[in-house]
Amino acid sequence: MHRSAHTDTFARDHLPAAADLPEFLFDGPDLQLPERLNAAAELLDRQVADGHGDRLCVQGEGLRWTYAELQTRVNRIAHVLVRDIGLVPGNRVLLRGANSPMLAACFLAVIKAGGIAVGTMPLLRARELSVIADKAQISHALCDARLAEAFDEALPKCPTLTRHLRFNADGAAGSLEALMADKPKTFAPVDTAADDVCLMAFTSGTTGVPKGTMHFHRDLIAACRCWPPHVLRATRDDVFIGSPPLAFTFGLGGLLLFPLAIGASTVLIEKASPDLLLPTIARYGATVCVTAPTSYRAMAPLVGQHAISTLRKCVSAGEALPAATRQLWKDATGIQIIDGIGSTEMFHIFISADEEHARGGATGLPVPGYVAAVLDDDGRPVEPGTVGRLAVKGPTGCKYLADDRQRDYVQHGWNLTGDAYLVDPADGQFVYQARTDDMIVSGGYNIDGPEVEDALLSHPAVAECGVVGVPDEQRGQLVKAVVVLKPGHHGDAAMVKALQDHVKQSIAPYKYPRAVEFRDSLPRTETGKLQRFKLRA
């Protein structure tokens, strides 16, 4: 590893041991990155230095910022972080807000100042925020004033989180915007090492404890040089738009980093439900849409009501793309969806197919820069047409924050994504089969079954429960809870609603069980382990 710029060495101290890291591949000249690298400076400052400061960069509700204007805001936020709330390189900064230009500026400012950005989903509750803050030993936070309630509720349980500011607070005294007002327009990026951590993204874990995935400065830039130029092939004149939050690596890459890397522009909107996304595409003249299969399926019948003739590329990830949804969207728009699979651990898409090579039911081929294989339980490649475990290597890879599950994800140098795949003997494309773990992928969200179980078990009527994903045409999978009630309680419609409401209050509402079944007992092994495969059946 290279000389770190981090004064606070928490992240580097908690990286996996060298023996537990995956093999990293840096094949190709675009992946030969320098030893010293600051991702924010590489993405934003370089565009301004190359004479593109006057180009439109980011839009939001009532906002249009050029590259130079975004750079000025990023620099002023960086000064606030360092001067007003004492950020030192390596500190973790929790970011809380819906997609907006200001949230994007905060992400880039933290990275430019040498900090580590920790994005959080807007829907997370206080309990979930406090777990993340504790695991990452968060010291600072920037929170959208409109999402402050859950944040304030979490604060008493976050002893390390001592410095925090509000933004989008209408310029209130002490807000981030107020403190930015008198700060210099320039800020020298911290001289970080390419392998200094700059981002922590949290994903649910199969034991209910979130996993923090750590990403280096080089990871962000490498991701910009793999899938976008080789598969997406967008241009400087494209306008990106979509639904995934910047707290998802899918959203951070697709809606911020990838547009910046090519000097394009992006539209960041707080609400991007299917009924709102189409008119917003029309309003901004968007050309590249990034969202989940569920959204494309819901939007397809509404396409004729909106003037979206500017749209030319559509990207799908976050869950498997059904062949029927691909065809439905093409029939409605004439656009062939670019599908892909990525993971929070790998940062972004590593298997995909462009429009010319896309076909129903298949994900595609390894993205240039990555290699992939389908392995058996002993780590040996299987024959084409045989289902096995998807394994990937490339310039990015799994680096969990102080987590024994690193050895589950990384084996023999491969990243094992938790997906079952086969390789089609006819054309070599990778074809998704199922998840191999307890993760439920519903409507583009990763939902951890045991976490929902934990929320249900805190209800006084629940004796035991099991939560699994079951197939669903609209959402890919539904969260289903199988519940055993305590004596004196009845499994009726009122109880179903009570349990659903309880989960929505305990954890992020999108995780609640949309299906609830009551049983007298749950299937278990002789040692008492819940047999979730029987619940799925």
Protein backbone atom coordinates (compact mmCIF):
# COMPACT_ATOMS: atom_id res chain seq x y z
CA MET A 1 0.00 0.00 0.00
CA HIS A 2 1.10 3.57 -0.66
CA ARG A 3 1.84 6.29 1.89
CA SER A 4 -1.52 7.31 3.29
CA ALA A 5 -2.67 10.90 3.68
CA HIS A 6 -5.02 9.86 6.48
CA THR A 7 -4.31 11.31 9.91
CA ASP A 8 -7.23 9.29 11.21
CA THR A 9 -6.16 5.74 10.32
CA PHE A 10 -9.38 3.95 11.35
CA ALA A 11 -10.28 2.81 7.83
CA ARG A 12 -6.83 1.55 6.91
CA ASP A 13 -6.49 -0.14 10.31
CA HIS A 14 -9.73 -2.05 9.67
CA LEU A 15 -9.13 -3.18 6.10
CA PRO A 16 -9.14 -6.96 5.65
CA ALA A 17 -5.82 -8.75 6.03
CA ALA A 18 -3.84 -9.04 2.80
CA ALA A 19 -4.56 -12.77 2.63
CA ASP A 20 -8.31 -12.06 2.70
CA LEU A 21 -8.33 -9.50 -0.12
CA PRO A 22 -9.38 -10.47 -3.65
CA GLU A 23 -6.95 -10.46 -6.53
CA PHE A 24 -7.00 -7.06 -8.24
CA LEU A 25 -6.56 -6.76 -12.00
CA PHE A 26 -5.31 -3.59 -13.69
CA ASP A 27 -5.08 -4.74 -17.29
CA GLY A 28 -5.16 -1.98 -19.88
CA PRO A 29 -3.64 1.52 -19.99
CA ASP A 30 -6.76 3.24 -18.63
CA LEU A 31 -6.36 1.31 -15.36
CA GLN A 32 -2.70 2.19 -14.77
CA LEU A 33 -3.53 4.87 -12.21
CA PRO A 34 -0.98 7.05 -10.37
CA GLU A 35 0.03 6.33 -6.77
CA ARG A 36 -1.33 9.71 -5.61
CA LEU A 37 -4.95 10.30 -6.59
CA ASN A 38 -7.89 12.30 -5.26
CA ALA A 39 -11.07 11.08 -6.96
CA ALA A 40 -12.99 14.34 -6.54
CA ALA A 41 -10.17 16.36 -8.07
CA GLU A 42 -9.79 13.88 -10.90
CA LEU A 43 -13.50 14.02 -11.75
CA LEU A 44 -14.36 17.68 -11.15
CA ASP A 45 -11.22 19.83 -11.11
CA ARG A 46 -9.87 18.18 -14.25
CA GLN A 47 -12.96 19.19 -16.25
CA VAL A 48 -12.55 22.82 -15.19
CA ALA A 49 -8.80 22.76 -15.83
CA ASP A 50 -9.44 21.37 -19.31
CA GLY A 51 -11.60 24.37 -20.17
CA HIS A 52 -15.06 22.92 -19.53
CA GLY A 53 -15.98 25.04 -16.51
CA ASP A 54 -18.83 26.78 -18.34
CA ARG A 55 -20.53 23.52 -19.36
CA LEU A 56 -23.74 22.54 -17.61
CA CYS A 57 -22.95 19.96 -14.91
CA VAL A 58 -25.84 19.33 -12.53
CA GLN A 59 -29.50 20.31 -12.38
CA GLY A 60 -32.14 19.98 -9.70
CA GLU A 61 -35.35 21.67 -8.66
CA GLY A 62 -34.75 25.32 -9.55
CA LEU A 63 -30.98 24.82 -9.89
CA ARG A 64 -28.57 24.74 -12.85
CA TRP A 65 -24.87 24.58 -11.97
CA THR A 66 -21.97 24.58 -14.39
CA TYR A 67 -18.82 22.60 -13.65
CA ALA A 68 -17.17 25.76 -12.31
CA GLU A 69 -20.17 26.55 -10.10
CA LEU A 70 -20.23 23.03 -8.67
CA GLN A 71 -16.47 23.26 -8.08
CA THR A 72 -16.90 26.51 -6.14
CA ARG A 73 -19.55 24.96 -3.90
CA VAL A 74 -17.48 21.83 -3.34
CA ASN A 75 -14.46 23.95 -2.38
CA ARG A 76 -16.46 26.06 0.05
CA ILE A 77 -17.99 22.98 1.69
CA ALA A 78 -14.51 21.50 2.01
CA HIS A 79 -13.37 24.65 3.83
CA VAL A 80 -16.38 24.40 6.18
CA LEU A 81 -15.55 20.77 6.91
CA VAL A 82 -11.94 21.57 7.78
CA ARG A 83 -12.23 25.02 9.38
CA ASP A 84 -15.60 24.92 11.12
CA ILE A 85 -16.09 21.31 12.18
CA GLY A 86 -12.51 20.09 12.33
CA LEU A 87 -12.41 17.37 9.68
CA VAL A 88 -9.02 15.67 9.35
CA PRO A 89 -8.14 13.25 6.55
CA GLY A 90 -9.57 9.81 7.22
CA ASN A 91 -12.56 10.99 9.31
CA ARG A 92 -15.86 9.37 8.32
CA VAL A 93 -18.66 11.78 7.37
CA LEU A 94 -22.25 10.55 7.33
CA LEU A 95 -24.28 12.09 4.50
CA ARG A 96 -28.06 12.09 4.76
CA GLY A 97 -30.35 13.51 2.11
CA ALA A 98 -32.44 12.76 -0.93
CA ASN A 99 -30.77 13.19 -4.33
CA SER A 100 -30.02 16.86 -4.95
CA PRO A 101 -27.19 19.01 -6.31
CA MET A 102 -26.28 19.96 -2.75
CA LEU A 103 -25.93 16.33 -1.67
CA ALA A 104 -23.69 15.71 -4.69
CA ALA A 105 -21.53 18.68 -3.69
CA CYS A 106 -21.25 17.27 -0.16
CA PHE A 107 -20.08 13.87 -1.43
CA LEU A 108 -17.38 15.47 -3.57
CA ALA A 109 -16.31 17.92 -0.85
CA VAL A 110 -15.78 15.18 1.72
CA ILE A 111 -13.65 13.20 -0.72
CA LYS A 112 -11.69 16.27 -1.85
CA ALA A 113 -10.93 17.16 1.79
CA GLY A 114 -9.53 13.67 2.38
CA GLY A 115 -12.51 12.44 4.36
CA ILE A 116 -14.50 9.26 3.85
CA ALA A 117 -18.06 9.76 2.59
CA VAL A 118 -20.66 7.46 4.16
CA GLY A 119 -23.93 7.78 2.27
CA THR A 120 -27.17 6.71 3.94
CA MET A 121 -30.53 5.95 2.39
CA PRO A 122 -33.09 8.70 3.03
CA LEU A 123 -35.62 6.14 4.30
CA LEU A 124 -33.41 4.74 7.05
CA ARG A 125 -34.72 5.04 10.59
CA ALA A 126 -32.82 6.16 13.70
CA ARG A 127 -32.01 2.58 14.69
CA GLU A 128 -30.37 1.86 11.33
CA LEU A 129 -28.46 5.16 11.31
CA SER A 130 -27.06 4.53 14.77
CA VAL A 131 -25.82 1.06 13.79
CA ILE A 132 -23.98 2.51 10.78
CA ALA A 133 -22.55 5.37 12.85
CA ASP A 134 -21.28 2.93 15.45
CA LYS A 135 -19.76 0.47 13.02
CA ALA A 136 -17.98 3.17 10.99
CA GLN A 137 -17.16 5.27 14.07
CA ILE A 138 -18.66 8.29 12.33
CA SER A 139 -17.28 11.59 13.60
CA HIS A 140 -19.03 14.15 11.37
CA ALA A 141 -22.34 14.42 9.52
CA LEU A 142 -24.04 16.61 6.94
CA CYS A 143 -27.81 16.14 7.06
CA ASP A 144 -30.58 17.59 4.93
CA ALA A 145 -32.69 19.67 7.31
CA ARG A 146 -35.84 17.99 6.03
CA LEU A 147 -34.57 14.57 7.13
CA ALA A 148 -33.34 15.67 10.53
CA GLU A 149 -35.97 13.93 12.67
CA ALA A 150 -34.57 10.40 12.45
CA PHE A 151 -31.01 11.77 12.53
CA ASP A 152 -31.68 13.71 15.74
CA GLU A 153 -33.31 10.64 17.27
CA ALA A 154 -30.21 8.58 16.45
CA LEU A 155 -27.67 11.08 17.83
CA PRO A 156 -27.84 10.04 21.51
CA LYS A 157 -26.81 6.54 20.43
CA CYS A 158 -23.86 7.83 18.36
CA PRO A 159 -21.20 8.90 20.89
CA THR A 160 -18.47 9.37 18.28
CA LEU A 161 -20.65 11.62 16.08
CA THR A 162 -19.94 14.99 17.66
CA ARG A 163 -19.86 17.45 14.75
CA HIS A 164 -22.79 17.87 12.38
CA LEU A 165 -24.41 20.48 10.16
CA ARG A 166 -27.70 20.89 8.32
CA PHE A 167 -27.98 21.76 4.63
CA ASN A 168 -30.99 22.75 2.51
CA ALA A 169 -31.97 24.70 5.62
CA ASP A 170 -33.06 27.93 3.88
CA GLY A 171 -29.81 29.62 4.87
CA ALA A 172 -30.51 29.37 8.61
CA ALA A 173 -27.78 30.62 10.93
CA GLY A 174 -25.22 27.89 11.51
CA SER A 175 -26.35 25.90 8.47
CA LEU A 176 -23.89 24.59 5.92
CA GLU A 177 -24.96 27.20 3.37
CA ALA A 178 -24.54 30.03 5.89
CA LEU A 179 -21.04 28.87 6.78
CA MET A 180 -20.12 28.47 3.10
CA ALA A 181 -20.94 32.10 2.30
CA ASP A 182 -17.61 33.63 3.34
CA LYS A 183 -15.33 30.73 2.42
CA PRO A 184 -12.75 30.90 -0.40
CA LYS A 185 -13.70 29.66 -3.86
CA THR A 186 -10.56 27.55 -4.12
CA PHE A 187 -9.46 24.51 -2.12
CA ALA A 188 -6.36 22.42 -2.73
CA PRO A 189 -7.36 18.75 -2.80
CA VAL A 190 -5.76 16.61 -0.11
CA ASP A 191 -2.87 14.60 -1.56
CA THR A 192 -4.46 11.22 -0.96
CA ALA A 193 -2.99 7.89 -1.98
CA ALA A 194 -4.82 6.01 -4.72
CA ASP A 195 -5.48 3.28 -2.14
CA ASP A 196 -6.74 5.58 0.61
CA VAL A 197 -10.39 4.84 1.43
CA CYS A 198 -12.72 7.63 0.25
CA LEU A 199 -16.14 5.94 0.43
CA MET A 200 -17.96 3.54 2.73
CA ALA A 201 -21.18 2.08 1.37
CA PHE A 202 -23.31 -0.04 3.64
CA THR A 203 -25.19 -3.11 2.51
CA SER A 204 -27.41 -5.42 4.51
CA GLY A 205 -25.82 -8.58 5.85
CA THR A 206 -27.23 -12.07 6.19
CA THR A 207 -26.99 -11.89 9.99
CA GLY A 208 -28.85 -8.59 10.22
CA VAL A 209 -25.65 -6.61 10.90
CA PRO A 210 -24.89 -4.18 8.05
CA LYS A 211 -21.64 -4.67 6.15
CA GLY A 212 -19.54 -1.62 5.41
CA THR A 213 -17.87 -1.88 2.02
CA MET A 214 -14.77 0.28 1.67
CA HIS A 215 -13.72 1.85 -1.62
CA PHE A 216 -10.44 3.50 -2.54
CA HIS A 217 -10.01 6.66 -4.62
CA ARG A 218 -8.71 4.40 -7.40
CA ASP A 219 -11.87 2.25 -7.24
CA LEU A 220 -14.09 5.18 -8.17
CA ILE A 221 -11.90 6.18 -11.10
CA ALA A 222 -11.40 2.60 -12.29
CA ALA A 223 -15.18 2.10 -12.32
CA CYS A 224 -15.49 5.20 -14.52
CA ARG A 225 -13.04 3.66 -17.00
CA CYS A 226 -14.62 0.20 -17.34
CA TRP A 227 -18.37 -0.09 -17.90
CA PRO A 228 -19.17 3.51 -19.01
CA PRO A 229 -16.81 3.82 -22.02
CA HIS A 230 -17.01 0.20 -23.12
CA VAL A 231 -20.72 -0.57 -22.71
CA LEU A 232 -22.74 2.59 -22.03
CA ARG A 233 -20.74 4.78 -24.44
CA ALA A 234 -22.45 8.03 -23.45
CA THR A 235 -21.12 11.38 -24.70
CA ARG A 236 -20.37 14.82 -23.32
CA ASP A 237 -23.75 16.04 -24.60
CA ASP A 238 -25.80 13.46 -22.70
CA VAL A 239 -28.11 14.36 -19.83
CA PHE A 240 -28.33 11.64 -17.16
CA ILE A 241 -31.37 11.06 -14.95
CA GLY A 242 -32.67 8.25 -12.77
CA SER A 243 -34.00 6.96 -9.49
CA PRO A 244 -31.28 5.21 -7.40
CA PRO A 245 -30.16 7.26 -4.39
CA LEU A 246 -26.57 8.51 -4.31
CA ALA A 247 -26.21 6.38 -1.16
CA PHE A 248 -26.37 3.34 -3.50
CA THR A 249 -23.18 2.81 -5.46
CA PHE A 250 -25.47 2.20 -8.46
CA GLY A 251 -26.78 5.74 -8.08
CA LEU A 252 -23.49 7.38 -7.11
CA GLY A 253 -21.80 5.99 -10.20
CA GLY A 254 -24.64 6.26 -12.69
CA LEU A 255 -25.94 9.68 -11.66
CA LEU A 256 -22.81 11.53 -10.52
CA LEU A 257 -19.39 9.99 -11.11
CA PHE A 258 -19.94 8.64 -14.62
CA PRO A 259 -21.43 11.88 -16.02
CA LEU A 260 -18.61 13.92 -14.46
CA ALA A 261 -15.97 11.59 -15.88
CA ILE A 262 -16.98 12.50 -19.45
CA GLY A 263 -18.05 16.10 -18.91
CA ALA A 264 -21.77 15.36 -19.32
CA SER A 265 -24.59 16.69 -17.13
CA THR A 266 -26.89 15.04 -14.63
CA VAL A 267 -30.33 15.73 -13.20
CA LEU A 268 -30.69 14.95 -9.49
CA ILE A 269 -34.29 14.81 -8.32
CA GLU A 270 -35.59 13.98 -4.87
CA LYS A 271 -38.61 12.01 -6.03
CA ALA A 272 -38.18 9.63 -8.96
CA SER A 273 -41.09 7.22 -8.70
CA PRO A 274 -42.25 5.82 -12.08
CA ASP A 275 -45.14 8.27 -12.38
CA LEU A 276 -42.80 11.23 -11.77
CA LEU A 277 -39.73 10.05 -13.67
CA LEU A 278 -41.31 10.18 -17.14
CA PRO A 279 -42.48 13.81 -16.97
CA THR A 280 -39.14 14.76 -15.45
CA ILE A 281 -37.30 13.14 -18.37
CA ALA A 282 -39.44 15.26 -20.69
CA ARG A 283 -38.94 18.42 -18.64
CA TYR A 284 -35.13 18.25 -18.66
CA GLY A 285 -34.67 16.64 -22.07
CA ALA A 286 -32.83 13.73 -20.46
CA THR A 287 -31.05 11.30 -22.76
CA VAL A 288 -29.78 8.54 -20.40
CA CYS A 289 -32.07 6.95 -17.81
CA VAL A 290 -30.73 4.86 -14.91
CA THR A 291 -33.25 2.87 -12.89
CA ALA A 292 -34.38 -0.60 -11.82
CA PRO A 293 -36.44 -3.12 -13.83
CA THR A 294 -39.48 -2.54 -11.63
CA SER A 295 -39.51 1.10 -12.67
CA TYR A 296 -39.26 0.35 -16.40
CA ARG A 297 -42.15 -2.07 -16.12
CA ALA A 298 -44.30 0.48 -14.31
CA MET A 299 -43.42 3.29 -16.74
CA ALA A 300 -43.98 1.36 -19.98
CA PRO A 301 -47.80 1.81 -20.10
CA LEU A 302 -47.40 5.56 -19.41
CA VAL A 303 -44.82 6.35 -22.10
CA GLY A 304 -47.37 7.62 -24.63
CA GLN A 305 -48.48 10.35 -22.23
CA HIS A 306 -45.09 12.09 -22.17
CA ALA A 307 -42.74 13.68 -24.70
CA ILE A 308 -39.58 11.70 -24.08
CA SER A 309 -38.14 11.72 -27.61
CA THR A 310 -34.76 12.91 -26.24
CA LEU A 311 -34.26 9.62 -24.38
CA ARG A 312 -31.76 7.39 -26.19
CA LYS A 313 -30.15 5.06 -23.60
CA CYS A 314 -31.69 3.17 -20.70
CA VAL A 315 -29.70 1.36 -18.02
CA SER A 316 -31.07 -1.34 -15.72
CA ALA A 317 -29.40 -2.80 -12.65
CA GLY A 318 -30.17 -3.48 -9.00
CA GLU A 319 -32.09 -6.69 -9.72
CA ALA A 320 -32.44 -9.21 -12.54
CA LEU A 321 -34.13 -7.80 -15.66
CA PRO A 322 -36.97 -10.10 -16.79
CA ALA A 323 -37.10 -10.74 -20.54
CA ALA A 324 -40.75 -9.64 -20.54
CA THR A 325 -39.85 -6.27 -19.01
CA ARG A 326 -37.09 -5.74 -21.56
CA GLN A 327 -39.55 -6.41 -24.40
CA LEU A 328 -42.30 -4.30 -22.83
CA TRP A 329 -39.98 -1.28 -22.66
CA LYS A 330 -38.67 -1.78 -26.19
CA ASP A 331 -42.22 -2.03 -27.55
CA ALA A 332 -43.14 1.20 -25.75
CA THR A 333 -40.03 3.25 -26.59
CA GLY A 334 -38.01 1.46 -29.25
CA ILE A 335 -35.06 1.48 -26.83
CA GLN A 336 -33.16 -1.71 -25.96
CA ILE A 337 -32.30 -1.65 -22.25
CA ILE A 338 -28.64 -1.96 -21.26
CA ASP A 339 -28.74 -4.51 -18.44
CA GLY A 340 -25.98 -5.12 -15.94
CA ILE A 341 -25.10 -6.74 -12.64
CA GLY A 342 -22.95 -5.03 -10.07
CA SER A 343 -22.65 -5.12 -6.30
CA THR A 344 -21.96 -2.71 -3.49
CA GLU A 345 -18.80 -4.70 -2.76
CA MET A 346 -17.50 -4.27 -6.33
CA PHE A 347 -18.81 -0.68 -6.53
CA HIS A 348 -20.60 -0.95 -9.88
CA ILE A 349 -21.49 -3.03 -12.95
CA PHE A 350 -19.06 -5.81 -13.93
CA ILE A 351 -21.18 -7.94 -16.32
CA SER A 352 -23.32 -6.26 -18.98
CA ALA A 353 -24.30 -6.12 -22.64
CA ASP A 354 -24.72 -3.10 -24.88
CA GLU A 355 -27.80 -2.57 -27.03
CA GLU A 356 -26.42 -4.53 -29.97
CA HIS A 357 -25.65 -7.67 -27.97
CA ALA A 358 -28.48 -7.55 -25.43
CA ARG A 359 -30.94 -10.41 -25.42
CA GLY A 360 -33.85 -11.37 -23.23
CA GLY A 361 -33.02 -13.36 -20.12
CA ALA A 362 -29.24 -12.85 -20.28
CA THR A 363 -27.14 -10.31 -18.36
CA GLY A 364 -24.22 -10.18 -20.79
CA LEU A 365 -20.44 -10.63 -20.77
CA PRO A 366 -17.73 -9.48 -18.35
CA VAL A 367 -17.10 -5.75 -18.73
CA PRO A 368 -13.60 -4.96 -20.08
CA GLY A 369 -11.34 -4.77 -17.04
CA TYR A 370 -13.15 -7.65 -15.30
CA VAL A 371 -13.13 -11.43 -15.62
CA ALA A 372 -15.92 -13.70 -14.41
CA ALA A 373 -16.49 -17.41 -13.92
CA VAL A 374 -19.15 -19.78 -12.65
CA LEU A 375 -17.74 -22.01 -9.90
CA ASP A 376 -18.90 -25.08 -7.99
CA ASP A 377 -18.90 -25.30 -4.19
CA ASP A 378 -15.21 -26.28 -4.22
CA GLY A 379 -14.19 -23.25 -6.28
CA ARG A 380 -13.73 -25.08 -9.58
CA PRO A 381 -15.15 -23.76 -12.88
CA VAL A 382 -18.24 -25.61 -14.08
CA GLU A 383 -19.12 -26.49 -17.65
CA PRO A 384 -21.18 -24.03 -19.74
CA GLY A 385 -24.87 -24.56 -19.12
CA THR A 386 -24.26 -25.65 -15.51
CA VAL A 387 -25.54 -23.53 -12.63
CA GLY A 388 -22.95 -22.42 -10.09
CA ARG A 389 -21.70 -19.48 -8.04
CA LEU A 390 -20.83 -16.27 -9.86
CA ALA A 391 -17.21 -15.22 -9.23
CA VAL A 392 -15.61 -11.98 -10.40
CA LYS A 393 -12.20 -10.26 -10.43
CA GLY A 394 -11.24 -6.79 -11.63
CA PRO A 395 -9.77 -3.44 -10.59
CA THR A 396 -12.32 -3.19 -7.76
CA GLY A 397 -13.12 -5.78 -5.12
CA CYS A 398 -14.60 -6.53 -1.72
CA LYS A 399 -13.02 -4.81 1.26
CA TYR A 400 -15.38 -5.15 4.21
CA LEU A 401 -14.91 -2.95 7.26
CA ALA A 402 -13.71 -5.25 10.08
CA ASP A 403 -16.05 -8.10 9.16
CA ASP A 404 -15.50 -11.86 9.30
CA ARG A 405 -17.86 -12.20 6.33
CA GLN A 406 -14.95 -11.06 4.15
CA ARG A 407 -13.93 -14.73 3.92
CA ASP A 408 -17.38 -15.66 2.63
CA TYR A 409 -17.33 -13.06 -0.12
CA VAL A 410 -13.68 -13.49 -1.12
CA GLN A 411 -12.40 -17.02 -1.77
CA HIS A 412 -9.30 -18.06 -3.75
CA GLY A 413 -8.90 -14.47 -4.96
CA TRP A 414 -12.44 -14.33 -6.41
CA ASN A 415 -15.31 -12.11 -5.32
CA LEU A 416 -18.37 -14.35 -4.80
CA THR A 417 -21.40 -12.14 -5.31
CA GLY A 418 -24.08 -14.38 -3.81
CA ASP A 419 -25.69 -14.97 -7.22
CA ALA A 420 -26.25 -18.25 -9.03
CA TYR A 421 -25.50 -18.03 -12.76
CA LEU A 422 -24.82 -20.20 -15.77
CA VAL A 423 -22.91 -19.44 -18.96
CA ASP A 424 -24.97 -20.00 -22.11
CA PRO A 425 -23.02 -22.47 -24.32
CA ALA A 426 -24.38 -20.76 -27.46
CA ASP A 427 -22.96 -17.26 -27.01
CA GLY A 428 -21.07 -17.24 -23.71
CA GLN A 429 -23.44 -14.79 -22.04
CA PHE A 430 -23.98 -15.02 -18.29
CA VAL A 431 -27.59 -15.88 -17.37
CA TYR A 432 -28.97 -15.14 -13.89
CA GLN A 433 -30.65 -17.99 -11.99
CA ALA A 434 -31.19 -16.99 -8.34
CA ARG A 435 -29.61 -15.63 -5.19
CA THR A 436 -27.48 -18.09 -3.22
CA ASP A 437 -27.88 -16.35 0.14
CA ASP A 438 -30.65 -14.81 2.25
CA MET A 439 -30.68 -11.47 0.44
CA ILE A 440 -34.04 -10.45 -1.02
CA VAL A 441 -33.93 -8.19 -4.08
CA SER A 442 -37.26 -6.40 -4.40
CA GLY A 443 -38.02 -3.38 -6.56
CA GLY A 444 -34.30 -2.63 -6.90
CA TYR A 445 -33.66 -2.69 -3.14
CA ASN A 446 -31.47 -5.23 -1.33
CA ILE A 447 -33.36 -6.37 1.74
CA ASP A 448 -31.85 -8.59 4.40
CA GLY A 449 -34.33 -11.26 5.53
CA PRO A 450 -32.88 -11.64 9.06
CA GLU A 451 -33.08 -7.88 9.61
CA VAL A 452 -36.84 -7.98 8.91
CA GLU A 453 -37.12 -11.01 11.20
CA ASP A 454 -35.45 -9.03 13.98
CA ALA A 455 -37.94 -6.19 13.55
CA LEU A 456 -40.89 -8.60 13.63
CA LEU A 457 -39.60 -10.39 16.72
CA SER A 458 -39.71 -7.10 18.63
CA HIS A 459 -43.53 -7.13 18.31
CA PRO A 460 -45.12 -8.55 21.48
CA ALA A 461 -47.41 -10.92 19.53
CA VAL A 462 -44.63 -12.71 17.61
CA ALA A 463 -43.16 -15.92 18.98
CA GLU A 464 -40.93 -16.71 16.00
CA CYS A 465 -40.74 -15.91 12.32
CA GLY A 466 -38.88 -16.48 9.07
CA VAL A 467 -38.57 -13.98 6.22
CA VAL A 468 -37.79 -14.94 2.62
CA GLY A 469 -38.13 -13.60 -0.89
CA VAL A 470 -40.77 -15.11 -3.14
CA PRO A 471 -41.11 -14.54 -6.90
CA ASP A 472 -43.22 -11.59 -8.01
CA GLU A 473 -43.84 -10.43 -11.56
CA GLN A 474 -43.90 -6.74 -10.70
CA ARG A 475 -41.08 -6.43 -8.13
CA GLY A 476 -38.90 -9.42 -8.96
CA GLN A 477 -39.30 -10.69 -5.41
CA LEU A 478 -41.67 -9.92 -2.56
CA VAL A 479 -40.70 -9.90 1.09
CA LYS A 480 -42.74 -12.66 2.74
CA ALA A 481 -42.92 -13.30 6.47
CA VAL A 482 -43.98 -16.63 7.93
CA VAL A 483 -45.03 -15.95 11.51
CA VAL A 484 -45.80 -18.04 14.58
CA LEU A 485 -47.88 -16.02 17.04
CA LYS A 486 -47.84 -16.25 20.81
CA PRO A 487 -50.90 -17.81 22.51
CA GLY A 488 -53.90 -15.50 22.63
CA HIS A 489 -53.16 -13.72 19.36
CA HIS A 490 -55.01 -14.33 16.10
CA GLY A 491 -53.56 -14.40 12.60
CA ASP A 492 -56.16 -12.23 10.90
CA ALA A 493 -56.05 -9.20 8.59
CA ALA A 494 -55.76 -6.83 11.53
CA MET A 495 -52.68 -8.68 12.77
CA VAL A 496 -51.13 -8.57 9.30
CA LYS A 497 -51.51 -4.80 9.21
CA ALA A 498 -50.25 -4.42 12.77
CA LEU A 499 -47.09 -6.38 11.97
CA GLN A 500 -46.49 -4.49 8.72
CA ASP A 501 -46.91 -1.12 10.44
CA HIS A 502 -44.58 -2.23 13.23
CA VAL A 503 -41.82 -3.09 10.74
CA LYS A 504 -42.28 0.21 8.90
CA GLN A 505 -41.76 2.06 12.17
CA SER A 506 -38.73 -0.02 13.15
CA ILE A 507 -36.69 -0.07 9.93
CA ALA A 508 -36.83 1.52 6.47
CA PRO A 509 -40.42 1.19 5.17
CA TYR A 510 -39.42 -0.46 1.88
CA LYS A 511 -38.32 -3.53 3.87
CA TYR A 512 -41.74 -4.40 5.28
CA PRO A 513 -43.25 -7.83 4.46
CA ARG A 514 -45.85 -7.40 1.74
CA ALA A 515 -47.01 -10.97 2.32
CA VAL A 516 -47.60 -12.48 5.76
CA GLU A 517 -48.48 -16.12 6.43
CA PHE A 518 -49.30 -17.52 9.87
CA ARG A 519 -48.25 -21.04 10.88
CA ASP A 520 -48.18 -23.15 14.01
CA SER A 521 -44.46 -23.86 13.65
CA LEU A 522 -41.43 -23.21 11.43
CA PRO A 523 -39.27 -25.82 9.66
CA ARG A 524 -35.95 -26.25 11.45
CA THR A 525 -32.98 -28.60 11.38
CA GLU A 526 -32.19 -30.92 14.29
CA THR A 527 -29.86 -28.25 15.61
CA GLY A 528 -32.62 -25.64 15.46
CA LYS A 529 -31.47 -23.74 12.34
CA LEU A 530 -34.32 -22.22 10.35
CA GLN A 531 -34.74 -23.89 6.95
CA ARG A 532 -35.54 -20.88 4.81
CA PHE A 533 -35.49 -22.94 1.61
CA LYS A 534 -38.60 -24.75 2.86
CA LEU A 535 -40.31 -21.41 3.48
CA ARG A 536 -39.51 -20.37 -0.11
CA ALA A 537 -41.00 -23.62 -1.39
